[in-house]
Amino acid sequence: MPLSKGVCPVCYEKALDCTGGLLLSDRRKGLPGVWRVAECQKCTIFSMVPLPTDDELASYYHMYSQDNTVNLSQGTGSRAPNLRKLYHWLSGDVDPRDFVEIPTGARVLDYGCGHAGYLRDFHHRGVAISGAEIAPYAVDACRNHGYDVRKVEDFSHVPFPANEFDVVYLMQVFEHLRDPHGFLRELGRVLKDGGMLYLAVPNAASMWRNIFKDNWVSGWFAPFHLFHYTRGVVEKLADQHGFDLVQAWSRTPESWFRLNLKAALYPGEHRLDWHRNWLDVTPLRYLLMVLLRMIEFPFREKDCLVLQFRKR
C-alpha cells in the first residue's frame, strides 16, 4: 500500500520534508533527471522522496551495465586467499570471503550475487551455496556453469523455501530495496532460527559524507540507492523483525574514495563509473590506499558499513 506524502517508509511517522533535503543527479551512470533525498526527522534515515515505482526502477536498471559478459574463471584472489585478505586490508575492499563465517555443512545464500564472484569461490570450496539475482543474463551464465542461482522476479519475495539457509549475505544490495520491512521479513522466513545475516551498505554516518557532501556519489548513487543507513537505524529496523546485532564495523574502499574524488574534481562528468583518468594509475592507487588507512585510523565511521545479525 502506498504511503501518504511525507510519511517515512521506515518508521512510518509523518516526518519527511518532501520539499527539502538534497537534489541529486546521476553522476555515475549518466541517467537524465534529478532525485530528492530527504532525512526523516524521527528515525534519521535518508530516503529518496518519492520512492520510484517498480517500472521506474526497471527502466533505471536497464542502463546499469554496459557489458553483459560474465567471467566465471577463478582469479588470483581465489587461488591465494591469504594474499587477498592482505590486499583487502590495505585497499579497504569489503569481501564476504574475508569475514563471513560458514559452519561445516551450512546452507548459504548470496542474495544479489551479480556475476557470482563470491558465490563461485564458496562453491569451489565445497560450500552448499545458492544465489539470487535480478539480471537474466547473469542468472543464465551461472546456471550454465552449474551454480544454483535463481531469478528474482519480485523484490518482496526471496525465491527459496522457508527455513532453508544457515547464512545469508547481501553485499551492497539492501540500500537498493524499496521495502526494507518486507524484505527483512522475507530474510527471516528463509533463515533458520539462529542463522546469520550479513549486510554491507554505504554508511550515512561516514566521515566522508560530511567532507564530500553532494559529491559523495559512492553513497548517494541516485537514483539506485533508495535508502541511506546508519548502524543505529539498521539495528532498530532488524530488531523489529527478529534479528539481534552481533557486530558492526566500517571501512572505506579505496575505489569508493577515488570515485568521490573524481566527482569533486570533475563536476561536469556524469558517467564516472566509466571515466578513467590519472587517478586510476596503479602507483597512485596504492598511495591512496596507504593515505586512507592512515587518515581514517582514529575515526569510527567510514564509508562501507558491515553488520552481522543473528536470527532469534
Protein backbone atom coordinates (compact mmCIF):
# COMPACT_ATOMS: atom_id res chain seq x y z
CA MET A 1 0.00 0.00 0.00
CA PRO A 2 1.46 3.42 -0.99
CA LEU A 3 2.38 5.68 1.89
CA SER A 4 0.92 9.15 2.33
CA LYS A 5 3.07 12.10 1.34
CA GLY A 6 5.69 12.89 3.95
CA VAL A 7 5.41 9.52 5.72
CA CYS A 8 8.76 7.80 6.32
CA PRO A 9 8.90 4.30 4.76
CA VAL A 10 10.97 3.04 7.71
CA CYS A 11 9.43 4.46 10.91
CA TYR A 12 6.02 5.33 9.35
CA GLU A 13 5.98 8.75 11.00
CA LYS A 14 4.96 11.82 9.01
CA ALA A 15 8.41 13.30 9.41
CA LEU A 16 9.82 13.63 5.87
CA ASP A 17 10.24 17.09 4.38
CA CYS A 18 9.25 16.43 0.77
CA THR A 19 10.46 19.86 -0.33
CA GLY A 20 13.82 19.89 1.48
CA GLY A 21 16.88 17.68 1.51
CA LEU A 22 19.30 17.24 -1.38
CA LEU A 23 18.59 17.33 -5.10
CA LEU A 24 20.90 14.82 -6.78
CA SER A 25 21.66 13.86 -10.36
CA ASP A 26 23.11 10.55 -11.51
CA ARG A 27 26.85 11.17 -11.59
CA ARG A 28 27.80 7.53 -12.18
CA LYS A 29 25.66 6.08 -14.99
CA GLY A 30 24.52 9.28 -16.71
CA LEU A 31 20.75 8.81 -16.37
CA PRO A 32 18.86 12.05 -17.04
CA GLY A 33 16.82 13.51 -14.22
CA VAL A 34 17.02 14.86 -10.67
CA TRP A 35 16.09 12.99 -7.48
CA ARG A 36 15.41 14.27 -3.98
CA VAL A 37 16.89 12.67 -0.85
CA ALA A 38 15.46 13.78 2.49
CA GLU A 39 16.17 12.92 6.12
CA CYS A 40 13.43 11.65 8.40
CA GLN A 41 13.23 13.92 11.44
CA LYS A 42 12.08 10.97 13.57
CA CYS A 43 14.34 7.99 12.76
CA THR A 44 17.09 9.98 10.91
CA ILE A 45 17.17 7.72 7.84
CA PHE A 46 17.79 9.35 4.45
CA SER A 47 15.42 8.17 1.73
CA MET A 48 14.54 9.06 -1.83
CA VAL A 49 11.37 11.19 -2.00
CA PRO A 50 9.21 9.96 -3.58
CA LEU A 51 10.34 6.36 -3.87
CA PRO A 52 10.42 5.22 -7.52
CA THR A 53 7.87 2.73 -8.77
CA ASP A 54 8.83 -0.78 -9.89
CA ASP A 55 8.52 0.32 -13.53
CA GLU A 56 10.80 3.29 -12.93
CA LEU A 57 13.37 1.09 -11.21
CA ALA A 58 13.25 -1.36 -14.13
CA SER A 59 13.98 1.49 -16.54
CA TYR A 60 16.91 2.66 -14.39
CA TYR A 61 18.49 -0.80 -14.22
CA HIS A 62 18.18 -1.20 -17.97
CA MET A 63 21.05 1.31 -18.17
CA TYR A 64 23.02 -0.05 -15.20
CA SER A 65 25.66 -2.04 -17.08
CA GLN A 66 27.48 -1.50 -20.36
CA ASP A 67 28.72 -5.09 -20.56
CA ASN A 68 26.69 -8.28 -20.07
CA THR A 69 29.77 -10.52 -20.19
CA VAL A 70 30.06 -12.81 -17.15
CA ASN A 71 33.55 -14.13 -16.38
CA LEU A 72 33.38 -17.11 -14.02
CA SER A 73 37.04 -18.10 -14.13
CA GLN A 74 38.99 -18.17 -10.88
CA GLY A 75 41.18 -15.15 -10.20
CA THR A 76 44.24 -14.59 -8.03
CA GLY A 77 42.08 -13.84 -5.00
CA SER A 78 40.52 -17.29 -5.26
CA ARG A 79 43.83 -19.10 -5.57
CA ALA A 80 45.61 -17.11 -2.85
CA PRO A 81 43.12 -16.25 -0.07
CA ASN A 82 45.77 -15.02 2.40
CA LEU A 83 47.17 -12.64 -0.21
CA ARG A 84 43.61 -11.49 -0.98
CA LYS A 85 42.92 -10.71 2.69
CA LEU A 86 46.16 -8.77 2.98
CA TYR A 87 45.35 -6.75 -0.14
CA HIS A 88 41.82 -6.03 1.11
CA TRP A 89 43.18 -4.91 4.47
CA LEU A 90 45.17 -2.29 2.54
CA SER A 91 42.56 -1.45 -0.12
CA GLY A 92 39.58 -1.39 2.25
CA ASP A 93 37.54 -3.65 -0.03
CA VAL A 94 34.61 -5.39 1.70
CA ASP A 95 34.64 -9.01 0.53
CA PRO A 96 32.41 -11.62 2.24
CA ARG A 97 35.04 -14.30 1.60
CA ASP A 98 37.19 -12.48 4.16
CA PHE A 99 34.73 -12.34 7.07
CA VAL A 100 31.55 -14.41 6.56
CA GLU A 101 31.76 -17.40 8.90
CA ILE A 102 30.30 -20.59 7.42
CA PRO A 103 29.87 -23.63 9.69
CA THR A 104 30.52 -27.07 8.27
CA GLY A 105 27.50 -28.30 6.34
CA ALA A 106 25.77 -24.91 6.35
CA ARG A 107 23.44 -23.75 3.56
CA VAL A 108 24.33 -20.26 2.32
CA LEU A 109 22.51 -17.66 0.19
CA ASP A 110 24.24 -14.90 -1.76
CA TYR A 111 21.35 -12.52 -2.44
CA GLY A 112 22.14 -10.16 -5.32
CA CYS A 113 25.05 -12.34 -6.39
CA GLY A 114 25.69 -10.37 -9.59
CA HIS A 115 28.42 -12.03 -11.64
CA ALA A 116 28.85 -14.62 -8.86
CA GLY A 117 32.48 -13.89 -7.98
CA TYR A 118 31.91 -14.66 -4.29
CA LEU A 119 29.44 -17.48 -4.91
CA ARG A 120 31.84 -19.18 -7.33
CA ASP A 121 34.65 -19.26 -4.78
CA PHE A 122 32.46 -20.53 -1.94
CA HIS A 123 31.07 -23.19 -4.28
CA HIS A 124 34.55 -24.40 -5.21
CA ARG A 125 35.43 -24.58 -1.51
CA GLY A 126 32.64 -27.11 -1.11
CA VAL A 127 30.08 -24.75 0.46
CA ALA A 128 26.41 -25.52 -0.28
CA ILE A 129 25.66 -22.06 -1.65
CA SER A 130 22.82 -20.69 -3.76
CA GLY A 131 22.34 -17.28 -5.32
CA ALA A 132 19.54 -14.91 -6.25
CA GLU A 133 19.92 -12.24 -8.91
CA ILE A 134 17.71 -9.88 -10.94
CA ALA A 135 19.76 -9.75 -14.19
CA PRO A 136 18.61 -12.57 -16.51
CA TYR A 137 21.92 -12.78 -18.37
CA ALA A 138 23.83 -13.31 -15.09
CA VAL A 139 21.37 -15.97 -13.91
CA ASP A 140 21.69 -17.84 -17.22
CA ALA A 141 25.50 -17.71 -17.17
CA CYS A 142 25.64 -19.02 -13.60
CA ARG A 143 23.21 -21.85 -14.31
CA ASN A 144 25.20 -22.83 -17.40
CA HIS A 145 28.23 -23.27 -15.10
CA GLY A 146 26.28 -25.47 -12.71
CA TYR A 147 25.58 -22.92 -9.97
CA ASP A 148 22.22 -22.81 -8.20
CA VAL A 149 21.18 -19.23 -8.96
CA ARG A 150 17.53 -18.22 -9.16
CA LYS A 151 15.97 -15.24 -10.89
CA VAL A 152 14.50 -12.55 -8.63
CA GLU A 153 11.08 -11.84 -10.11
CA ASP A 154 9.68 -9.86 -7.18
CA PHE A 155 11.67 -7.90 -4.59
CA SER A 156 9.01 -8.72 -1.99
CA HIS A 157 9.83 -12.44 -2.26
CA VAL A 158 13.10 -14.37 -1.86
CA PRO A 159 12.81 -17.28 -4.32
CA PHE A 160 13.59 -20.08 -1.85
CA PRO A 161 11.61 -22.14 0.71
CA ALA A 162 11.23 -21.22 4.37
CA ASN A 163 13.96 -22.21 6.86
CA GLU A 164 16.33 -23.05 4.01
CA PHE A 165 19.54 -21.25 4.99
CA ASP A 166 22.01 -21.04 7.87
CA VAL A 167 23.79 -17.96 6.45
CA VAL A 168 22.57 -15.17 4.14
CA TYR A 169 24.67 -12.24 2.96
CA LEU A 170 23.86 -9.15 0.90
CA MET A 171 26.77 -7.02 -0.32
CA GLN A 172 25.68 -3.52 -1.41
CA VAL A 173 22.11 -4.67 -2.09
CA PHE A 174 19.91 -3.69 0.86
CA GLU A 175 20.08 0.04 0.06
CA HIS A 176 18.59 -0.69 -3.40
CA LEU A 177 15.39 -2.25 -1.98
CA ARG A 178 12.26 -0.12 -1.70
CA ASP A 179 10.58 -2.10 1.12
CA PRO A 180 13.13 -2.77 3.89
CA HIS A 181 10.47 -4.05 6.32
CA GLY A 182 9.04 -6.53 3.83
CA PHE A 183 12.45 -7.72 2.77
CA LEU A 184 13.64 -8.30 6.33
CA ARG A 185 10.51 -10.39 6.90
CA GLU A 186 11.50 -12.44 3.85
CA LEU A 187 15.05 -12.88 5.13
CA GLY A 188 13.63 -14.04 8.45
CA ARG A 189 11.45 -16.52 6.58
CA VAL A 190 14.28 -18.19 4.64
CA LEU A 191 16.78 -18.16 7.54
CA LYS A 192 16.75 -20.89 10.18
CA ASP A 193 16.49 -19.92 13.84
CA GLY A 194 19.96 -18.92 14.99
CA GLY A 195 21.02 -18.28 11.40
CA MET A 196 23.36 -15.43 10.48
CA LEU A 197 22.61 -12.44 8.28
CA TYR A 198 25.37 -10.17 6.92
CA LEU A 199 24.58 -6.77 5.38
CA ALA A 200 27.04 -4.36 3.76
CA VAL A 201 25.65 -0.89 2.96
CA PRO A 202 27.01 2.62 2.40
CA ASN A 203 27.29 4.31 5.78
CA ALA A 204 25.30 7.55 6.05
CA ALA A 205 27.27 8.40 9.20
CA SER A 206 30.59 8.22 7.32
CA MET A 207 33.13 10.97 7.86
CA TRP A 208 33.48 11.17 4.07
CA ARG A 209 29.80 12.04 3.53
CA ASN A 210 30.35 15.21 5.51
CA ILE A 211 33.52 16.02 3.57
CA PHE A 212 32.39 15.24 0.01
CA LYS A 213 28.76 16.41 0.54
CA ASP A 214 26.91 16.25 -2.84
CA ASN A 215 29.97 14.56 -4.37
CA TRP A 216 29.62 11.55 -2.06
CA VAL A 217 28.50 9.57 -5.11
CA SER A 218 29.60 6.18 -3.77
CA GLY A 219 26.91 6.60 -1.12
CA TRP A 220 24.19 8.75 -2.68
CA PHE A 221 24.29 6.98 -6.08
CA ALA A 222 20.98 8.44 -7.26
CA PRO A 223 18.63 7.01 -8.42
CA PHE A 224 19.76 3.47 -7.48
CA HIS A 225 20.29 3.85 -3.72
CA LEU A 226 16.84 4.39 -2.23
CA PHE A 227 17.86 4.48 1.44
CA HIS A 228 20.97 5.63 3.30
CA TYR A 229 21.52 3.77 6.56
CA THR A 230 23.47 4.18 9.78
CA ARG A 231 24.21 1.30 12.14
CA GLY A 232 21.63 2.58 14.63
CA VAL A 233 18.85 2.70 12.03
CA VAL A 234 19.62 -0.78 10.68
CA GLU A 235 19.88 -2.24 14.18
CA LYS A 236 16.44 -0.87 15.17
CA LEU A 237 14.92 -1.98 11.87
CA ALA A 238 16.34 -5.50 12.11
CA ASP A 239 15.30 -5.84 15.75
CA GLN A 240 11.66 -5.34 14.72
CA HIS A 241 11.94 -8.43 12.51
CA GLY A 242 13.64 -10.80 14.93
CA PHE A 243 17.34 -10.10 14.39
CA ASP A 244 19.94 -9.32 17.07
CA LEU A 245 23.08 -7.38 16.18
CA VAL A 246 26.24 -9.45 16.71
CA GLN A 247 28.83 -6.97 15.46
CA ALA A 248 29.26 -3.96 13.19
CA TRP A 249 32.26 -2.24 11.65
CA SER A 250 33.10 0.05 8.75
CA ARG A 251 35.91 0.78 6.32
CA THR A 252 36.41 2.82 3.17
CA PRO A 253 37.31 1.03 -0.06
CA GLU A 254 39.94 2.98 -1.96
CA SER A 255 37.82 2.58 -5.11
CA TRP A 256 34.92 4.39 -3.39
CA PHE A 257 37.17 7.22 -2.22
CA ARG A 258 38.63 7.57 -5.70
CA LEU A 259 35.13 7.73 -7.21
CA ASN A 260 34.14 10.54 -4.84
CA LEU A 261 37.39 12.36 -5.55
CA LYS A 262 36.66 12.19 -9.28
CA ALA A 263 33.16 13.58 -8.63
CA ALA A 264 34.69 16.55 -6.77
CA LEU A 265 37.44 17.19 -9.34
CA TYR A 266 35.25 16.73 -12.44
CA PRO A 267 31.85 18.33 -11.63
CA GLY A 268 30.70 18.12 -15.26
CA GLU A 269 31.27 14.37 -15.57
CA HIS A 270 28.12 12.23 -15.27
CA ARG A 271 29.45 8.81 -16.25
CA LEU A 272 32.01 8.40 -13.51
CA ASP A 273 31.76 4.60 -13.37
CA TRP A 274 33.41 4.50 -16.80
CA HIS A 275 35.55 7.65 -16.56
CA ARG A 276 39.25 6.64 -16.50
CA ASN A 277 41.98 9.19 -15.84
CA TRP A 278 45.23 9.82 -13.96
CA LEU A 279 43.61 8.82 -10.64
CA ASP A 280 43.40 5.23 -11.92
CA VAL A 281 47.15 4.80 -12.38
CA THR A 282 48.28 1.87 -10.23
CA PRO A 283 51.06 3.63 -8.23
CA LEU A 284 48.67 6.44 -7.28
CA ARG A 285 46.03 3.94 -6.22
CA TYR A 286 48.46 2.27 -3.81
CA LEU A 287 49.43 5.67 -2.45
CA LEU A 288 45.75 6.49 -1.86
CA MET A 289 45.30 3.16 -0.05
CA VAL A 290 48.10 3.93 2.39
CA LEU A 291 46.93 7.52 2.96
CA LEU A 292 43.34 6.36 3.57
CA ARG A 293 44.38 3.82 6.18
CA MET A 294 46.45 6.47 7.98
CA ILE A 295 43.81 9.23 7.81
CA GLU A 296 40.92 7.01 8.88
CA PHE A 297 42.63 5.17 11.70
CA PRO A 298 41.30 7.35 14.56
CA PHE A 299 37.74 7.57 13.13
CA ARG A 300 34.95 5.08 13.75
CA GLU A 301 32.53 5.90 10.92
CA LYS A 302 33.87 5.06 7.48
CA ASP A 303 32.16 4.64 4.11
CA CYS A 304 31.07 0.98 3.97
CA LEU A 305 29.14 -0.36 6.95
CA VAL A 306 29.09 -4.12 7.61
CA LEU A 307 26.62 -5.61 10.09
CA GLN A 308 26.24 -9.18 11.32
CA PHE A 309 22.90 -10.28 12.78
CA ARG A 310 21.61 -13.49 14.37
CA LYS A 311 18.00 -14.53 13.85
CA ARG A 312 16.24 -15.05 17.16
